[in-house]
């Protein structure tokens, strides 16, 4: 299961620029992983694909406190029930 929280400034300035900030909490094997993602504006109009930059976090609560302290608000929160499969490169990296 994945829980996502998208954040923006009160005036939705990131959304107006087609940018996104997301905090994702993933439950795997009884533990939770936190991933913070910045999505840049789309680069391919046909597919709508957006370049993403991600870092892993240790605590969704701490990350949320940082973002709200900087003035960001929750834009939308959602839960996805899905199965994630690890991808491995030809050299064996995940």
C-alpha atoms as a PDB file:
ATOM      1  CA  UNK A   1       0.000   0.000   0.000  1.00  0.00           C
ATOM      2  CA  UNK A   2       1.193   3.529  -0.798  1.00  0.00           C
ATOM      3  CA  UNK A   3       0.014   6.703   0.862  1.00  0.00           C
ATOM      4  CA  UNK A   4       0.805   9.901  -1.012  1.00  0.00           C
ATOM      5  CA  UNK A   5       0.590  13.492   0.151  1.00  0.00           C
ATOM      6  CA  UNK A   6       1.033  16.208  -2.467  1.00  0.00           C
ATOM      7  CA  UNK A   7       2.056  19.622  -1.149  1.00  0.00           C
ATOM      8  CA  UNK A   8       1.961  23.142  -2.527  1.00  0.00           C
ATOM      9  CA  UNK A   9       2.020  26.720  -1.320  1.00  0.00           C
ATOM     10  CA  UNK A  10      -1.355  28.246  -0.395  1.00  0.00           C
ATOM     11  CA  UNK A  11      -1.626  30.020  -3.779  1.00  0.00           C
ATOM     12  CA  UNK A  12      -0.865  26.768  -5.648  1.00  0.00           C
ATOM     13  CA  UNK A  13       2.197  28.299  -7.311  1.00  0.00           C
ATOM     14  CA  UNK A  14       3.872  24.908  -7.880  1.00  0.00           C
ATOM     15  CA  UNK A  15       0.731  23.534  -9.528  1.00  0.00           C
ATOM     16  CA  UNK A  16       0.510  26.620 -11.756  1.00  0.00           C
ATOM     17  CA  UNK A  17       4.070  25.845 -12.934  1.00  0.00           C
ATOM     18  CA  UNK A  18       3.216  22.128 -13.434  1.00  0.00           C
ATOM     19  CA  UNK A  19       5.590  21.162 -10.614  1.00  0.00           C
ATOM     20  CA  UNK A  20       4.798  18.736  -7.788  1.00  0.00           C
ATOM     21  CA  UNK A  21       6.097  17.821  -4.339  1.00  0.00           C
ATOM     22  CA  UNK A  22       5.063  14.419  -3.033  1.00  0.00           C
ATOM     23  CA  UNK A  23       5.698  12.523   0.188  1.00  0.00           C
ATOM     24  CA  UNK A  24       5.111   8.801  -0.377  1.00  0.00           C
ATOM     25  CA  UNK A  25       4.858   6.254   2.420  1.00  0.00           C
ATOM     26  CA  UNK A  26       5.156   2.641   1.257  1.00  0.00           C
ATOM     27  CA  UNK A  27       4.486  -0.369   3.439  1.00  0.00           C
ATOM     28  CA  UNK A  28       6.668  -3.339   2.560  1.00  0.00           C
ATOM     29  CA  UNK A  29       7.139  -6.429   4.632  1.00  0.00           C
ATOM     30  CA  UNK A  30       5.882  -4.797   7.823  1.00  0.00           C
ATOM     31  CA  UNK A  31       8.129  -1.743   7.531  1.00  0.00           C
ATOM     32  CA  UNK A  32       7.494   1.688   6.092  1.00  0.00           C
ATOM     33  CA  UNK A  33       9.662   3.449   3.533  1.00  0.00           C
ATOM     34  CA  UNK A  34       9.366   7.192   2.977  1.00  0.00           C
ATOM     35  CA  UNK A  35      10.239   8.802  -0.347  1.00  0.00           C
ATOM     36  CA  UNK A  36      10.210  12.547  -1.050  1.00  0.00           C
ATOM     37  CA  UNK A  37       9.730  13.390  -4.738  1.00  0.00           C
ATOM     38  CA  UNK A  38      10.039  16.569  -6.750  1.00  0.00           C
ATOM     39  CA  UNK A  39       8.396  16.418 -10.189  1.00  0.00           C
ATOM     40  CA  UNK A  40       9.444  19.009 -12.768  1.00  0.00           C
ATOM     41  CA  UNK A  41       7.110  20.233 -15.524  1.00  0.00           C
ATOM     42  CA  UNK A  42       6.337  17.669 -18.215  1.00  0.00           C
ATOM     43  CA  UNK A  43       8.947  17.192 -20.921  1.00  0.00           C
ATOM     44  CA  UNK A  44       6.875  15.086 -23.298  1.00  0.00           C
ATOM     45  CA  UNK A  45       3.444  16.447 -24.119  1.00  0.00           C
ATOM     46  CA  UNK A  46       2.292  13.166 -25.691  1.00  0.00           C
ATOM     47  CA  UNK A  47       2.972  10.996 -22.637  1.00  0.00           C
ATOM     48  CA  UNK A  48       2.859  13.696 -19.957  1.00  0.00           C
ATOM     49  CA  UNK A  49       6.082  12.324 -18.467  1.00  0.00           C
ATOM     50  CA  UNK A  50       7.791  14.480 -15.861  1.00  0.00           C
ATOM     51  CA  UNK A  51      11.400  14.293 -14.681  1.00  0.00           C
ATOM     52  CA  UNK A  52      11.492  13.175 -11.045  1.00  0.00           C
ATOM     53  CA  UNK A  53      14.096  13.602  -8.328  1.00  0.00           C
ATOM     54  CA  UNK A  54      13.742  11.494  -5.196  1.00  0.00           C
ATOM     55  CA  UNK A  55      15.348  11.085  -1.813  1.00  0.00           C
ATOM     56  CA  UNK A  56      14.505   8.585   0.898  1.00  0.00           C
ATOM     57  CA  UNK A  57      13.462   9.828   4.295  1.00  0.00           C
ATOM     58  CA  UNK A  58      13.369   8.249   7.704  1.00  0.00           C
ATOM     59  CA  UNK A  59      10.169   9.819   8.989  1.00  0.00           C
ATOM     60  CA  UNK A  60       7.111  11.069   7.125  1.00  0.00           C
ATOM     61  CA  UNK A  61       6.114  13.075  10.221  1.00  0.00           C
ATOM     62  CA  UNK A  62       9.440  14.921  10.318  1.00  0.00           C
ATOM     63  CA  UNK A  63       9.365  15.578   6.574  1.00  0.00           C
ATOM     64  CA  UNK A  64       5.803  16.881   6.877  1.00  0.00           C
ATOM     65  CA  UNK A  65       6.835  19.164   9.751  1.00  0.00           C
ATOM     66  CA  UNK A  66       9.673  20.578   7.628  1.00  0.00           C
ATOM     67  CA  UNK A  67       7.383  21.219   4.666  1.00  0.00           C
ATOM     68  CA  UNK A  68       4.623  22.829   6.742  1.00  0.00           C
ATOM     69  CA  UNK A  69       7.243  24.897   8.558  1.00  0.00           C
ATOM     70  CA  UNK A  70       8.360  26.219   5.164  1.00  0.00           C
ATOM     71  CA  UNK A  71       4.778  27.209   4.353  1.00  0.00           C
ATOM     72  CA  UNK A  72       3.613  24.254   2.259  1.00  0.00           C
ATOM     73  CA  UNK A  73       0.094  22.866   2.688  1.00  0.00           C
ATOM     74  CA  UNK A  74      -1.405  19.494   1.853  1.00  0.00           C
ATOM     75  CA  UNK A  75      -2.969  19.754  -1.564  1.00  0.00           C
ATOM     76  CA  UNK A  76      -4.274  16.190  -1.795  1.00  0.00           C
ATOM     77  CA  UNK A  77      -3.772  12.910   0.071  1.00  0.00           C
ATOM     78  CA  UNK A  78      -4.513   9.505  -1.384  1.00  0.00           C
ATOM     79  CA  UNK A  79      -3.979   5.825  -0.732  1.00  0.00           C
ATOM     80  CA  UNK A  80      -3.129   3.352  -3.472  1.00  0.00           C
ATOM     81  CA  UNK A  81      -3.388  -0.379  -3.073  1.00  0.00           C
ATOM     82  CA  UNK A  82      -0.868  -1.818  -5.482  1.00  0.00           C
ATOM     83  CA  UNK A  83       1.934  -4.291  -5.786  1.00  0.00           C
ATOM     84  CA  UNK A  84       5.432  -2.947  -6.344  1.00  0.00           C
ATOM     85  CA  UNK A  85       7.948  -5.145  -8.079  1.00  0.00           C
ATOM     86  CA  UNK A  86      11.680  -4.496  -7.819  1.00  0.00           C
ATOM     87  CA  UNK A  87      13.464  -3.824 -11.085  1.00  0.00           C
ATOM     88  CA  UNK A  88      16.983  -5.075 -11.561  1.00  0.00           C
ATOM     89  CA  UNK A  89      19.425  -3.849 -14.194  1.00  0.00           C
ATOM     90  CA  UNK A  90      21.596  -6.154 -16.286  1.00  0.00           C
ATOM     91  CA  UNK A  91      24.415  -5.512 -13.771  1.00  0.00           C
ATOM     92  CA  UNK A  92      22.236  -6.618 -10.856  1.00  0.00           C
ATOM     93  CA  UNK A  93      21.437  -3.197  -9.387  1.00  0.00           C
ATOM     94  CA  UNK A  94      17.950  -2.499  -8.065  1.00  0.00           C
END
